[in-house]
């Protein structure tokens, strides 16, 4: 970090700490967290239920559903499907709700840096 000598022009300098504490940046973080944290908790619970069932409910997981498919395989495939759905949902959410806010912040910071 460099120190600015007294009397030096401050044009083009951005106070990133102030920006991080600004209401618009806090709102961006709040919006992000309100989506990511609940989905992360949901997915971790879903994953650990699968692991626990595989370890301690072997008879249940081995029950045939049709042909050679059993409950364990279906739940395991469900993990992949859930991951894909969550990923697509997050991309859509980010494109609609996060990216416009982040772009506005970035644009304002670029203007500040340019001295506008």
Protein backbone atom coordinates (compact mmCIF):
# COMPACT_ATOMS: atom_id res chain seq x y z
CA UNK A 1 0.00 0.00 0.00
CA UNK A 2 1.38 3.39 -0.91
CA UNK A 3 0.90 6.57 1.03
CA UNK A 4 -0.17 9.71 -0.75
CA UNK A 5 1.99 12.70 0.07
CA UNK A 6 0.14 15.62 1.61
CA UNK A 7 -1.28 17.94 -1.01
CA UNK A 8 -1.17 15.32 -3.80
CA UNK A 9 -4.25 15.13 -6.00
CA UNK A 10 -6.70 12.43 -5.00
CA UNK A 11 -8.46 12.32 -8.36
CA UNK A 12 -8.62 8.79 -9.69
CA UNK A 13 -8.20 7.21 -6.28
CA UNK A 14 -10.89 4.88 -5.10
CA UNK A 15 -11.67 4.27 -1.47
CA UNK A 16 -12.43 0.55 -1.67
CA UNK A 17 -13.12 0.28 2.04
CA UNK A 18 -15.80 2.97 1.78
CA UNK A 19 -17.25 1.23 -1.27
CA UNK A 20 -17.34 -2.08 0.56
CA UNK A 21 -19.30 -0.40 3.36
CA UNK A 22 -21.67 1.40 0.99
CA UNK A 23 -25.37 0.45 1.06
CA UNK A 24 -25.36 -0.72 -2.56
CA UNK A 25 -22.42 -3.09 -2.03
CA UNK A 26 -23.92 -4.41 1.22
CA UNK A 27 -27.19 -5.00 -0.67
CA UNK A 28 -25.29 -6.93 -3.37
CA UNK A 29 -23.67 -9.14 -0.71
CA UNK A 30 -26.99 -9.61 1.09
CA UNK A 31 -28.72 -10.61 -2.15
CA UNK A 32 -25.95 -13.08 -2.96
CA UNK A 33 -25.90 -14.62 0.51
CA UNK A 34 -29.69 -14.89 0.73
CA UNK A 35 -29.59 -17.15 -2.33
CA UNK A 36 -26.35 -19.07 -1.84
CA UNK A 37 -26.47 -19.96 1.85
CA UNK A 38 -29.91 -21.62 1.93
CA UNK A 39 -29.17 -23.62 -1.21
CA UNK A 40 -25.80 -24.67 0.13
CA UNK A 41 -27.37 -25.87 3.38
CA UNK A 42 -30.08 -27.72 1.43
CA UNK A 43 -27.56 -29.44 -0.82
CA UNK A 44 -25.22 -30.42 2.03
CA UNK A 45 -28.12 -31.92 4.00
CA UNK A 46 -29.31 -33.77 0.87
CA UNK A 47 -25.77 -35.06 0.23
CA UNK A 48 -25.16 -36.19 3.83
CA UNK A 49 -28.53 -37.93 3.95
CA UNK A 50 -27.43 -39.89 0.89
CA UNK A 51 -24.09 -40.77 2.47
CA UNK A 52 -25.70 -41.76 5.76
CA UNK A 53 -28.30 -43.90 4.00
CA UNK A 54 -25.56 -45.60 2.00
CA UNK A 55 -23.66 -46.39 5.20
CA UNK A 56 -26.43 -47.31 7.60
CA UNK A 57 -29.54 -48.16 5.56
CA UNK A 58 -28.04 -50.63 3.13
CA UNK A 59 -31.20 -52.73 2.90
CA UNK A 60 -33.26 -49.68 2.01
CA UNK A 61 -30.71 -48.48 -0.57
CA UNK A 62 -30.52 -51.97 -2.12
CA UNK A 63 -34.26 -52.24 -2.73
CA UNK A 64 -34.86 -52.78 -6.44
CA UNK A 65 -36.99 -50.19 -8.21
CA UNK A 66 -36.97 -51.61 -11.74
CA UNK A 67 -34.52 -53.89 -13.50
CA UNK A 68 -31.05 -53.50 -12.03
CA UNK A 69 -31.86 -50.01 -10.69
CA UNK A 70 -32.17 -49.71 -6.93
CA UNK A 71 -33.00 -46.88 -4.56
CA UNK A 72 -29.31 -46.09 -3.95
CA UNK A 73 -28.58 -45.63 -7.65
CA UNK A 74 -31.60 -43.41 -8.13
CA UNK A 75 -30.67 -41.21 -5.18
CA UNK A 76 -27.08 -41.08 -6.42
CA UNK A 77 -28.24 -39.97 -9.87
CA UNK A 78 -30.49 -37.48 -8.09
CA UNK A 79 -27.34 -35.88 -6.67
CA UNK A 80 -26.11 -35.11 -10.18
CA UNK A 81 -29.50 -33.83 -11.28
CA UNK A 82 -29.76 -31.63 -8.19
CA UNK A 83 -26.28 -30.21 -8.83
CA UNK A 84 -27.21 -29.33 -12.41
CA UNK A 85 -30.50 -27.72 -11.36
CA UNK A 86 -28.86 -25.65 -8.62
CA UNK A 87 -26.13 -24.52 -11.01
CA UNK A 88 -28.61 -23.45 -13.70
CA UNK A 89 -30.78 -21.75 -11.10
CA UNK A 90 -27.79 -19.81 -9.72
CA UNK A 91 -26.69 -18.70 -13.19
CA UNK A 92 -30.17 -17.42 -13.93
CA UNK A 93 -30.35 -15.68 -10.53
CA UNK A 94 -26.91 -14.12 -10.95
CA UNK A 95 -27.67 -12.89 -14.46
CA UNK A 96 -30.95 -11.32 -13.34
CA UNK A 97 -30.19 -10.03 -9.85
CA UNK A 98 -26.45 -9.90 -9.14
CA UNK A 99 -24.80 -8.94 -12.41
CA UNK A 100 -26.77 -5.70 -12.96
CA UNK A 101 -25.91 -4.49 -9.44
CA UNK A 102 -22.26 -5.49 -9.82
CA UNK A 103 -22.05 -3.83 -13.24
CA UNK A 104 -23.42 -0.57 -11.84
CA UNK A 105 -20.88 -0.61 -9.02
CA UNK A 106 -18.05 -1.42 -11.43
CA UNK A 107 -19.12 1.34 -13.83
CA UNK A 108 -19.18 3.92 -11.03
CA UNK A 109 -15.77 2.82 -9.78
CA UNK A 110 -14.31 3.01 -13.29
CA UNK A 111 -15.68 6.55 -13.62
CA UNK A 112 -14.13 7.48 -10.28
CA UNK A 113 -10.81 6.04 -11.37
CA UNK A 114 -10.94 7.97 -14.63
CA UNK A 115 -11.57 11.14 -12.66
CA UNK A 116 -15.05 11.76 -14.02
